Every structure is written in structure tokens, then in C-alpha cells.
N, C-alpha and C. Protein backbone atom coordinates (compact mmCIF):
# COMPACT_ATOMS: atom_id res chain seq x y z
N MET A 1 137.07 179.30 -105.26
CA MET A 1 137.29 178.28 -105.00
C MET A 1 137.85 178.05 -103.52
N LYS A 2 138.10 179.00 -102.95
CA LYS A 2 138.20 178.91 -101.79
C LYS A 2 137.41 179.08 -100.65
N PHE A 3 135.59 179.33 -101.07
CA PHE A 3 134.88 179.44 -100.62
C PHE A 3 134.72 177.92 -100.45
N PHE A 4 134.68 177.14 -101.65
CA PHE A 4 133.91 175.48 -101.76
C PHE A 4 134.62 174.94 -100.68
N ARG A 5 136.38 175.14 -101.28
CA ARG A 5 137.84 174.26 -99.35
C ARG A 5 136.91 174.25 -98.41
N HIS A 6 136.14 175.65 -98.04
CA HIS A 6 136.44 176.10 -96.81
C HIS A 6 134.56 175.66 -96.55
N LEU A 7 133.79 175.00 -97.20
CA LEU A 7 132.72 174.26 -97.24
C LEU A 7 133.30 173.02 -97.00
N LEU A 8 134.07 172.36 -97.40
CA LEU A 8 133.81 171.16 -97.92
C LEU A 8 134.42 170.48 -96.96
N GLY A 9 135.62 171.10 -95.88
CA GLY A 9 136.48 171.37 -95.23
C GLY A 9 137.73 170.68 -95.80
N ILE A 10 138.73 170.99 -97.33
CA ILE A 10 139.47 170.88 -97.49
C ILE A 10 140.68 171.73 -97.29
N THR A 11 141.81 171.34 -97.51
CA THR A 11 142.41 172.55 -97.44
C THR A 11 143.65 171.94 -99.00
N LYS A 12 144.53 173.11 -98.80
CA LYS A 12 145.62 173.04 -99.86
C LYS A 12 146.48 171.98 -99.36
N LEU A 13 146.57 171.26 -98.19
CA LEU A 13 147.62 171.08 -98.27
C LEU A 13 146.62 169.64 -99.13
N ASP A 14 145.53 168.78 -98.91
CA ASP A 14 145.21 168.32 -99.33
C ASP A 14 144.97 167.51 -101.03
N LYS A 15 145.61 168.97 -101.51
CA LYS A 15 145.41 168.67 -102.54
C LYS A 15 145.01 168.02 -104.00
N GLU A 16 143.92 168.91 -103.68
CA GLU A 16 142.35 167.87 -104.38
C GLU A 16 142.04 169.63 -106.15
N LYS A 17 142.31 169.00 -106.75
CA LYS A 17 142.14 169.62 -107.30
C LYS A 17 140.65 170.14 -108.11
N ASN A 18 140.78 171.61 -108.46
CA ASN A 18 139.99 172.73 -108.51
C ASN A 18 138.49 171.84 -108.60
N GLN A 19 138.92 170.84 -110.04
CA GLN A 19 137.82 170.64 -111.26
C GLN A 19 136.90 169.57 -110.16
N CYS A 20 137.79 168.40 -108.85
CA CYS A 20 136.99 167.54 -108.13
C CYS A 20 136.83 168.03 -107.10
N ILE A 21 136.43 169.45 -106.84
CA ILE A 21 136.16 170.03 -105.57
C ILE A 21 134.35 170.84 -106.28
N ARG A 22 134.79 171.02 -107.59
CA ARG A 22 133.45 171.51 -107.86
C ARG A 22 132.53 170.28 -108.36
N GLN A 23 132.84 168.86 -108.62
CA GLN A 23 132.31 167.94 -108.92
C GLN A 23 131.42 167.53 -107.52
N LYS A 24 132.64 167.14 -106.50
CA LYS A 24 132.43 167.07 -105.10
C LYS A 24 131.09 168.10 -104.89
N ARG A 25 131.07 169.37 -105.09
CA ARG A 25 130.13 170.36 -104.48
C ARG A 25 128.39 170.62 -105.29
N GLY A 26 129.13 169.99 -106.74
CA GLY A 26 127.78 169.61 -107.50
C GLY A 26 127.33 171.45 -107.98
N SER A 27 128.02 172.11 -107.70
CA SER A 27 127.15 173.55 -108.10
C SER A 27 127.87 174.37 -109.31
N GLN A 28 126.94 174.80 -109.85
CA GLN A 28 127.74 175.40 -111.71
C GLN A 28 127.72 177.57 -111.17
N ASN A 29 127.07 177.24 -110.55
CA ASN A 29 127.59 179.10 -110.46
C ASN A 29 127.27 179.56 -109.16
N ILE A 30 128.47 179.86 -108.90
CA ILE A 30 129.43 179.85 -107.71
C ILE A 30 128.98 181.64 -106.73
N VAL A 31 129.04 182.43 -107.51
CA VAL A 31 128.18 183.73 -107.73
C VAL A 31 127.06 183.48 -106.89
N LYS A 32 125.96 182.92 -106.82
CA LYS A 32 125.07 182.87 -106.16
C LYS A 32 124.49 181.76 -105.25
N GLU A 33 125.74 181.10 -105.80
CA GLU A 33 125.63 180.48 -104.02
C GLU A 33 126.83 181.47 -102.98
N ILE A 34 126.92 181.80 -103.19
CA ILE A 34 128.25 183.09 -102.41
C ILE A 34 126.76 183.87 -101.95
N LYS A 35 126.21 184.29 -103.08
CA LYS A 35 125.44 185.84 -102.00
C LYS A 35 124.14 185.12 -101.57
N GLN A 36 123.77 183.86 -101.17
CA GLN A 36 122.91 183.01 -100.57
C GLN A 36 123.72 182.79 -99.05
N TYR A 37 124.75 182.40 -99.71
CA TYR A 37 125.54 182.90 -97.58
C TYR A 37 125.65 183.40 -97.11
N GLN A 38 126.10 185.01 -98.11
CA GLN A 38 126.57 186.21 -97.30
C GLN A 38 124.39 186.69 -96.70
N LYS A 39 124.04 186.53 -97.73
CA LYS A 39 122.56 186.98 -97.23
C LYS A 39 122.29 186.14 -96.17
N LYS A 40 122.75 184.49 -96.13
CA LYS A 40 122.32 183.93 -94.58
C LYS A 40 122.90 184.51 -93.17
N TRP A 41 124.33 184.59 -93.26
CA TRP A 41 125.44 185.52 -92.64
C TRP A 41 124.99 186.79 -92.59
N LEU A 42 124.07 187.51 -92.97
CA LEU A 42 123.33 188.76 -92.21
C LEU A 42 122.36 188.80 -91.98
N GLN A 43 121.45 188.01 -92.19
CA GLN A 43 120.47 187.19 -91.20
C GLN A 43 120.61 186.85 -90.15
N HIS A 44 121.83 186.41 -89.50
CA HIS A 44 122.34 185.74 -88.39
C HIS A 44 122.70 187.05 -87.39
N VAL A 45 122.87 187.46 -88.02
CA VAL A 45 124.13 189.07 -87.38
C VAL A 45 123.04 189.71 -86.84
N GLN A 46 122.03 189.89 -87.56
CA GLN A 46 120.87 191.29 -87.47
C GLN A 46 119.79 190.54 -86.20
N ARG A 47 120.40 189.12 -86.21
CA ARG A 47 119.09 188.66 -84.93
C ARG A 47 120.46 188.71 -83.79
N MET A 48 121.48 189.22 -83.74
CA MET A 48 122.53 189.32 -82.17
C MET A 48 121.62 190.75 -81.80
N ASP A 49 122.53 190.31 -80.40
CA ASP A 49 122.26 191.25 -79.54
C ASP A 49 123.11 192.74 -79.75
N THR A 50 122.69 193.76 -79.77
CA THR A 50 123.35 194.97 -79.89
C THR A 50 124.90 195.33 -79.33
N ASN A 51 125.32 194.49 -78.64
CA ASN A 51 126.33 194.74 -78.71
C ASN A 51 127.37 193.20 -78.75
N ARG A 52 127.09 192.95 -80.07
CA ARG A 52 128.03 192.02 -80.32
C ARG A 52 128.75 192.44 -81.12
N LEU A 53 129.97 192.50 -81.46
CA LEU A 53 130.66 192.52 -82.52
C LEU A 53 130.56 192.63 -83.68
N PRO A 54 130.15 191.38 -84.12
CA PRO A 54 129.07 191.72 -85.86
C PRO A 54 128.30 192.70 -85.95
N LYS A 55 127.72 192.94 -85.14
CA LYS A 55 126.03 193.50 -84.51
C LYS A 55 127.33 194.84 -84.76
N VAL A 56 127.74 195.08 -83.97
CA VAL A 56 128.57 196.40 -84.12
C VAL A 56 128.63 196.94 -85.48
N ALA A 57 129.76 195.93 -85.73
CA ALA A 57 130.75 196.30 -87.38
C ALA A 57 129.71 196.28 -87.99
N THR A 58 128.65 195.84 -88.41
CA THR A 58 127.79 196.09 -89.73
C THR A 58 126.91 197.51 -89.73
N THR A 59 126.83 198.28 -87.90
CA THR A 59 126.04 199.33 -88.14
C THR A 59 127.29 200.41 -88.14
N CYS A 60 128.17 200.15 -88.12
CA CYS A 60 129.01 201.29 -88.74
C CYS A 60 129.65 201.68 -89.45
N THR A 61 129.80 202.99 -89.79
CA THR A 61 130.39 203.70 -91.18
C THR A 61 131.81 203.21 -91.08
N GLU A 62 132.61 203.65 -92.31
CA GLU A 62 133.64 203.84 -92.84
C GLU A 62 134.71 204.93 -91.81
N ASP A 63 134.01 205.71 -90.72
CA ASP A 63 135.07 206.68 -90.26
C ASP A 63 135.07 206.23 -88.97
N GLY A 64 134.16 204.79 -88.42
CA GLY A 64 133.88 204.37 -87.30
C GLY A 64 133.27 204.91 -86.66
N HIS A 65 132.24 205.97 -86.84
CA HIS A 65 130.55 206.31 -86.38
C HIS A 65 129.87 205.55 -86.34
N LYS A 66 128.98 204.93 -85.87
CA LYS A 66 127.50 204.82 -85.31
C LYS A 66 127.09 205.95 -86.97
N GLN A 67 126.06 204.62 -87.76
CA GLN A 67 125.01 205.73 -88.37
C GLN A 67 124.10 206.20 -87.41
N THR A 68 123.77 207.55 -87.81
CA THR A 68 122.74 207.48 -87.15
C THR A 68 121.37 207.99 -87.86
N THR A 69 120.36 207.45 -87.56
CA THR A 69 119.09 208.32 -88.31
C THR A 69 118.34 209.84 -88.13
N LYS A 70 118.31 210.59 -89.12
CA LYS A 70 117.57 211.68 -88.59
C LYS A 70 116.13 211.85 -88.61
N THR A 71 115.81 212.00 -88.26
CA THR A 71 114.27 212.01 -88.61
C THR A 71 114.48 213.66 -88.44
N SER A 72 113.00 213.58 -89.27
CA SER A 72 112.67 215.30 -89.95
C SER A 72 111.79 215.41 -89.05
N THR A 73 111.02 216.64 -88.67
CA THR A 73 110.10 217.15 -88.11
C THR A 73 109.11 218.12 -89.23
N THR A 74 107.68 218.06 -89.48
CA THR A 74 107.19 218.65 -90.14
C THR A 74 106.36 219.57 -89.19
N ILE A 75 105.68 220.88 -89.74
CA ILE A 75 104.91 221.61 -88.36
C ILE A 75 103.97 221.92 -90.14
């Protein structure tokens, strides 16, 4: 519900019931909609300049180093 509240601009202070939020949004498959939102965001980040923080964050590994691609040379 937090995802839909954010999309609709509804806060917890508005005291809207989850059922009312689902009706306003008109969506039954929440997981599918969240996946589409994430895919759209990733495409947006991939179009960014390489020095932008979200782009840098997607290219780093868990230990904080950038991912490197190893090229194999065949002789």
C-alpha cells in the first residue's frame, strides 16, 4: 500500500483505508505494477551521465568497488 499511497499522494495522516486506495487506483496486481515502475526507473537511470550518483550506485558491487568487465584474449 505504501507504493500506491506514494503514487496517489495520500499520506497516513489522511486516514484513507487500504480498500479505498485500491479502488482509486483500480489495480488488482500490485506486484506487476511495482515491477513496471522499477523497470521504468532503471531505464531512466541507464540514460543518465556516468558521473550521476544513481548511475554510479547501479554499477557498484556490494563491497563498494566498480564492476569490471574482463576481456578474454584468445590466441
